[in-house]
């Protein structure tokens, strides 16, 4: 009987701590904001869970929807900055923001 009480006292706190740790890690996620295409490429625009950063996943139009991205570009401060990057470098659009 004493062994069961010791196990309850030892196991319950450990399981409680483990559940908090695993819950906090799974709560962090990235979110798909938009999808689109231009030129010979298509993209997905993703953001961090706190909207502090954005990144693009880019595929060739011919690539399978389940394939790995052709490239992933990270470090954009805003969704606008990321989409301008796509438009200038992949969709080959002529925008005032595009470098000449």
N, C-alpha and C. Protein backbone atom coordinates (compact mmCIF):
# COMPACT_ATOMS: atom_id res chain seq x y z
N UNK A 1 0.82 -1.19 0.00
CA UNK A 1 0.00 0.00 0.00
C UNK A 1 0.87 1.25 0.00
N UNK A 2 1.95 1.22 0.71
CA UNK A 2 2.84 2.37 0.79
C UNK A 2 3.47 2.66 -0.58
N UNK A 3 3.80 1.64 -1.33
CA UNK A 3 4.40 1.81 -2.66
C UNK A 3 3.44 2.53 -3.60
N UNK A 4 2.16 2.21 -3.55
CA UNK A 4 1.17 2.85 -4.40
C UNK A 4 1.05 4.34 -4.07
N UNK A 5 1.08 4.68 -2.81
CA UNK A 5 1.01 6.09 -2.42
C UNK A 5 2.23 6.86 -2.89
N UNK A 6 3.40 6.25 -2.79
CA UNK A 6 4.63 6.90 -3.26
C UNK A 6 4.57 7.11 -4.77
N UNK A 7 4.09 6.11 -5.49
CA UNK A 7 3.99 6.25 -6.94
C UNK A 7 3.02 7.36 -7.32
N UNK A 8 1.89 7.46 -6.64
CA UNK A 8 0.92 8.53 -6.92
C UNK A 8 1.54 9.90 -6.68
N UNK A 9 2.27 10.03 -5.58
CA UNK A 9 2.90 11.31 -5.25
C UNK A 9 3.99 11.66 -6.26
N UNK A 10 4.69 10.68 -6.78
CA UNK A 10 5.79 10.93 -7.71
C UNK A 10 5.30 11.07 -9.16
N UNK A 11 4.35 10.26 -9.56
CA UNK A 11 3.95 10.22 -10.97
C UNK A 11 3.02 11.37 -11.34
N UNK A 12 2.09 11.73 -10.50
CA UNK A 12 1.13 12.78 -10.84
C UNK A 12 1.81 14.12 -11.12
N UNK A 13 2.73 14.58 -10.28
CA UNK A 13 3.40 15.85 -10.63
C UNK A 13 4.23 15.77 -11.91
N UNK A 14 4.88 14.65 -12.15
CA UNK A 14 5.67 14.50 -13.37
C UNK A 14 4.77 14.54 -14.60
N UNK A 15 3.66 13.85 -14.56
CA UNK A 15 2.72 13.87 -15.69
C UNK A 15 2.12 15.25 -15.91
N UNK A 16 1.86 15.95 -14.83
CA UNK A 16 1.31 17.30 -14.94
C UNK A 16 2.29 18.23 -15.63
N UNK A 17 3.54 18.20 -15.19
CA UNK A 17 4.57 19.05 -15.81
C UNK A 17 4.75 18.67 -17.27
N UNK A 18 4.79 17.39 -17.57
CA UNK A 18 4.95 16.94 -18.94
C UNK A 18 3.81 17.43 -19.82
N UNK A 19 2.58 17.40 -19.33
CA UNK A 19 1.45 17.84 -20.13
C UNK A 19 1.53 19.35 -20.41
N UNK A 20 1.98 20.15 -19.45
CA UNK A 20 2.14 21.58 -19.70
C UNK A 20 3.23 21.85 -20.73
N UNK A 21 4.33 21.15 -20.62
CA UNK A 21 5.44 21.35 -21.56
C UNK A 21 5.03 20.95 -22.96
N UNK A 22 4.39 19.81 -23.11
CA UNK A 22 4.01 19.37 -24.45
C UNK A 22 2.91 20.25 -25.03
N UNK A 23 2.01 20.76 -24.22
CA UNK A 23 0.96 21.65 -24.71
C UNK A 23 1.54 22.96 -25.19
N UNK A 24 2.48 23.53 -24.48
CA UNK A 24 3.05 24.81 -24.89
C UNK A 24 3.83 24.66 -26.19
N UNK A 25 4.49 23.53 -26.41
CA UNK A 25 5.23 23.33 -27.66
C UNK A 25 4.31 23.12 -28.84
N UNK A 26 3.20 22.43 -28.64
CA UNK A 26 2.32 22.18 -29.77
C UNK A 26 1.46 23.39 -30.09
N UNK A 27 1.35 24.33 -29.18
CA UNK A 27 0.54 25.52 -29.43
C UNK A 27 1.23 26.47 -30.40
N UNK A 28 2.53 26.39 -30.51
CA UNK A 28 3.26 27.25 -31.44
C UNK A 28 3.12 26.69 -32.84
N UNK A 29 2.64 27.50 -33.76
CA UNK A 29 2.42 27.03 -35.12
C UNK A 29 2.53 28.19 -36.09
N UNK A 30 2.75 27.84 -37.34
CA UNK A 30 2.73 28.84 -38.40
C UNK A 30 1.39 28.76 -39.11
N UNK A 31 1.00 29.85 -39.73
CA UNK A 31 -0.31 29.93 -40.35
C UNK A 31 -0.21 30.31 -41.81
N UNK A 32 -1.00 29.62 -42.63
CA UNK A 32 -1.09 29.93 -44.05
C UNK A 32 -1.96 31.17 -44.21
N UNK A 33 -1.41 32.23 -44.79
CA UNK A 33 -2.15 33.48 -44.97
C UNK A 33 -2.79 33.59 -46.34
N UNK A 34 -2.06 33.20 -47.37
CA UNK A 34 -2.62 33.30 -48.71
C UNK A 34 -1.85 32.41 -49.68
N UNK A 35 -2.46 32.21 -50.83
CA UNK A 35 -1.85 31.44 -51.91
C UNK A 35 -2.06 32.21 -53.20
N UNK A 36 -1.19 31.99 -54.15
CA UNK A 36 -1.36 32.65 -55.43
C UNK A 36 -0.36 32.14 -56.43
N UNK A 37 -0.34 32.76 -57.59
CA UNK A 37 0.61 32.37 -58.63
C UNK A 37 0.91 33.56 -59.52
N UNK A 38 1.97 33.42 -60.26
CA UNK A 38 2.39 34.44 -61.21
C UNK A 38 3.56 33.92 -62.00
N UNK A 39 3.62 34.26 -63.26
CA UNK A 39 4.70 33.73 -64.10
C UNK A 39 4.60 32.22 -64.14
N UNK A 40 5.71 31.56 -63.92
CA UNK A 40 5.75 30.09 -63.93
C UNK A 40 5.77 29.50 -62.53
N UNK A 41 5.34 30.28 -61.53
CA UNK A 41 5.45 29.84 -60.14
C UNK A 41 4.16 30.07 -59.37
N UNK A 42 4.02 29.32 -58.29
CA UNK A 42 2.93 29.55 -57.35
C UNK A 42 3.52 29.64 -55.95
N UNK A 43 2.79 30.25 -55.04
CA UNK A 43 3.35 30.48 -53.71
C UNK A 43 2.30 30.22 -52.63
N UNK A 44 2.82 30.03 -51.43
CA UNK A 44 2.04 30.07 -50.20
C UNK A 44 2.74 31.07 -49.29
N UNK A 45 1.98 31.98 -48.72
CA UNK A 45 2.50 32.96 -47.78
C UNK A 45 2.15 32.50 -46.38
N UNK A 46 3.15 32.30 -45.54
CA UNK A 46 2.99 31.81 -44.17
C UNK A 46 3.45 32.87 -43.19
N UNK A 47 2.87 32.86 -41.99
CA UNK A 47 3.31 33.76 -40.92
C UNK A 47 3.50 32.97 -39.64
N UNK A 48 4.33 33.51 -38.77
CA UNK A 48 4.50 32.92 -37.45
C UNK A 48 3.23 33.16 -36.64
N UNK A 49 3.08 32.42 -35.56
CA UNK A 49 1.84 32.52 -34.78
C UNK A 49 1.63 33.91 -34.18
N UNK A 50 2.69 34.69 -34.01
CA UNK A 50 2.54 36.03 -33.45
C UNK A 50 2.68 37.12 -34.52
N UNK A 51 2.66 36.72 -35.79
CA UNK A 51 2.79 37.64 -36.94
C UNK A 51 4.06 38.48 -36.90
N UNK A 52 5.10 37.96 -36.29
CA UNK A 52 6.35 38.71 -36.23
C UNK A 52 7.22 38.48 -37.46
N UNK A 53 6.92 37.48 -38.24
CA UNK A 53 7.70 37.21 -39.43
C UNK A 53 6.89 36.44 -40.46
N UNK A 54 7.25 36.60 -41.71
CA UNK A 54 6.55 35.96 -42.82
C UNK A 54 7.54 35.24 -43.69
N UNK A 55 7.06 34.20 -44.37
CA UNK A 55 7.92 33.52 -45.32
C UNK A 55 7.09 32.96 -46.47
N UNK A 56 7.76 32.77 -47.60
CA UNK A 56 7.13 32.26 -48.81
C UNK A 56 7.63 30.86 -49.10
N UNK A 57 6.71 29.98 -49.46
CA UNK A 57 7.06 28.70 -50.05
C UNK A 57 6.69 28.82 -51.52
N UNK A 58 7.64 28.48 -52.39
CA UNK A 58 7.46 28.70 -53.82
C UNK A 58 7.67 27.39 -54.57
N UNK A 59 6.76 27.11 -55.51
CA UNK A 59 6.84 25.94 -56.36
C UNK A 59 6.75 26.35 -57.82
N UNK A 60 7.27 25.53 -58.69
CA UNK A 60 7.03 25.67 -60.11
C UNK A 60 5.56 25.31 -60.36
N UNK A 61 4.94 25.93 -61.36
CA UNK A 61 3.55 25.61 -61.69
C UNK A 61 3.37 24.14 -62.06
N UNK A 62 4.40 23.52 -62.61
CA UNK A 62 4.31 22.12 -63.03
C UNK A 62 4.47 21.14 -61.86
N UNK A 63 4.92 21.62 -60.72
CA UNK A 63 5.18 20.74 -59.58
C UNK A 63 3.87 20.21 -59.00
N UNK A 64 3.94 19.02 -58.48
CA UNK A 64 2.79 18.40 -57.83
C UNK A 64 2.41 19.17 -56.57
N UNK A 65 1.12 19.26 -56.24
CA UNK A 65 0.71 19.96 -55.01
C UNK A 65 1.30 19.35 -53.73
N UNK A 66 1.69 18.09 -53.79
CA UNK A 66 2.24 17.44 -52.60
C UNK A 66 3.77 17.45 -52.58
N UNK A 67 4.40 18.04 -53.58
CA UNK A 67 5.86 18.05 -53.63
C UNK A 67 6.45 19.08 -52.66
N UNK A 68 7.71 18.92 -52.38
CA UNK A 68 8.41 19.90 -51.54
C UNK A 68 8.56 21.20 -52.32
N UNK A 69 8.61 22.32 -51.60
CA UNK A 69 8.76 23.61 -52.31
C UNK A 69 10.06 23.68 -53.10
N UNK A 70 10.03 24.39 -54.19
CA UNK A 70 11.22 24.69 -54.98
C UNK A 70 12.20 25.48 -54.13
N UNK A 71 11.67 26.43 -53.37
CA UNK A 71 12.47 27.23 -52.46
C UNK A 71 11.58 27.78 -51.35
N UNK A 72 12.20 28.12 -50.24
CA UNK A 72 11.51 28.78 -49.13
C UNK A 72 12.30 30.01 -48.77
N UNK A 73 11.65 31.17 -48.81
CA UNK A 73 12.31 32.43 -48.50
C UNK A 73 11.76 32.95 -47.18
N UNK A 74 12.64 33.18 -46.23
CA UNK A 74 12.24 33.60 -44.89
C UNK A 74 12.69 35.03 -44.60
N UNK A 75 12.17 35.53 -43.49
CA UNK A 75 12.69 36.79 -42.97
C UNK A 75 12.00 38.04 -43.45
N UNK A 76 10.80 37.92 -43.94
CA UNK A 76 10.08 39.12 -44.35
C UNK A 76 9.38 39.74 -43.15
N UNK A 77 9.43 41.05 -43.05
CA UNK A 77 8.83 41.75 -41.91
C UNK A 77 7.32 41.92 -42.07
N UNK A 78 6.83 41.86 -43.31
CA UNK A 78 5.39 42.04 -43.54
C UNK A 78 4.96 41.16 -44.71
N UNK A 79 3.67 40.92 -44.80
CA UNK A 79 3.15 40.14 -45.92
C UNK A 79 3.33 40.92 -47.22
N UNK A 80 3.21 42.23 -47.15
CA UNK A 80 3.39 43.08 -48.34
C UNK A 80 4.80 42.92 -48.90
N UNK A 81 5.79 42.96 -48.01
CA UNK A 81 7.18 42.80 -48.44
C UNK A 81 7.39 41.44 -49.11
N UNK A 82 6.81 40.40 -48.55
CA UNK A 82 6.95 39.06 -49.12
C UNK A 82 6.31 38.97 -50.50
N UNK A 83 5.12 39.54 -50.65
CA UNK A 83 4.42 39.45 -51.93
C UNK A 83 5.10 40.31 -53.00
N UNK A 84 5.65 41.44 -52.62
CA UNK A 84 6.42 42.25 -53.57
C UNK A 84 7.64 41.46 -54.04
N UNK A 85 8.29 40.78 -53.12
CA UNK A 85 9.45 39.94 -53.48
C UNK A 85 9.03 38.90 -54.51
N UNK A 86 7.91 38.22 -54.27
CA UNK A 86 7.44 37.21 -55.22
C UNK A 86 7.14 37.85 -56.57
N UNK A 87 6.40 38.95 -56.56
CA UNK A 87 6.03 39.60 -57.81
C UNK A 87 7.25 40.04 -58.62
N UNK A 88 8.25 40.56 -57.96
CA UNK A 88 9.43 41.07 -58.66
C UNK A 88 10.35 39.95 -59.14
N UNK A 89 10.53 38.91 -58.32
CA UNK A 89 11.54 37.89 -58.62
C UNK A 89 11.01 36.63 -59.29
N UNK A 90 9.75 36.33 -59.15
CA UNK A 90 9.20 35.10 -59.74
C UNK A 90 8.10 35.38 -60.76
N UNK A 91 7.18 36.27 -60.45
CA UNK A 91 6.10 36.58 -61.38
C UNK A 91 6.56 37.53 -62.48
N UNK A 92 7.73 38.14 -62.29
CA UNK A 92 8.33 39.07 -63.26
C UNK A 92 7.41 40.24 -63.58
N UNK A 93 6.71 40.72 -62.56
CA UNK A 93 5.86 41.89 -62.74
C UNK A 93 6.72 43.16 -62.67
N UNK A 94 6.30 44.16 -63.37
CA UNK A 94 7.01 45.43 -63.38
C UNK A 94 6.30 46.38 -62.40
N UNK A 95 6.80 46.40 -61.20
CA UNK A 95 6.23 47.26 -60.14
C UNK A 95 7.22 48.35 -59.79
N UNK A 96 6.74 49.50 -59.30
CA UNK A 96 7.66 50.55 -58.87
C UNK A 96 8.61 50.08 -57.77
N UNK A 97 8.17 49.11 -56.96
CA UNK A 97 8.99 48.62 -55.87
C UNK A 97 10.11 47.68 -56.31
N UNK A 98 10.01 47.17 -57.54
CA UNK A 98 11.01 46.21 -58.02
C UNK A 98 12.32 46.91 -58.33
N UNK A 99 13.44 46.29 -57.92
CA UNK A 99 14.74 46.89 -58.25
C UNK A 99 14.95 46.85 -59.77
N UNK A 100 15.62 47.83 -60.26
CA UNK A 100 15.87 47.91 -61.72
C UNK A 100 17.29 47.62 -62.04
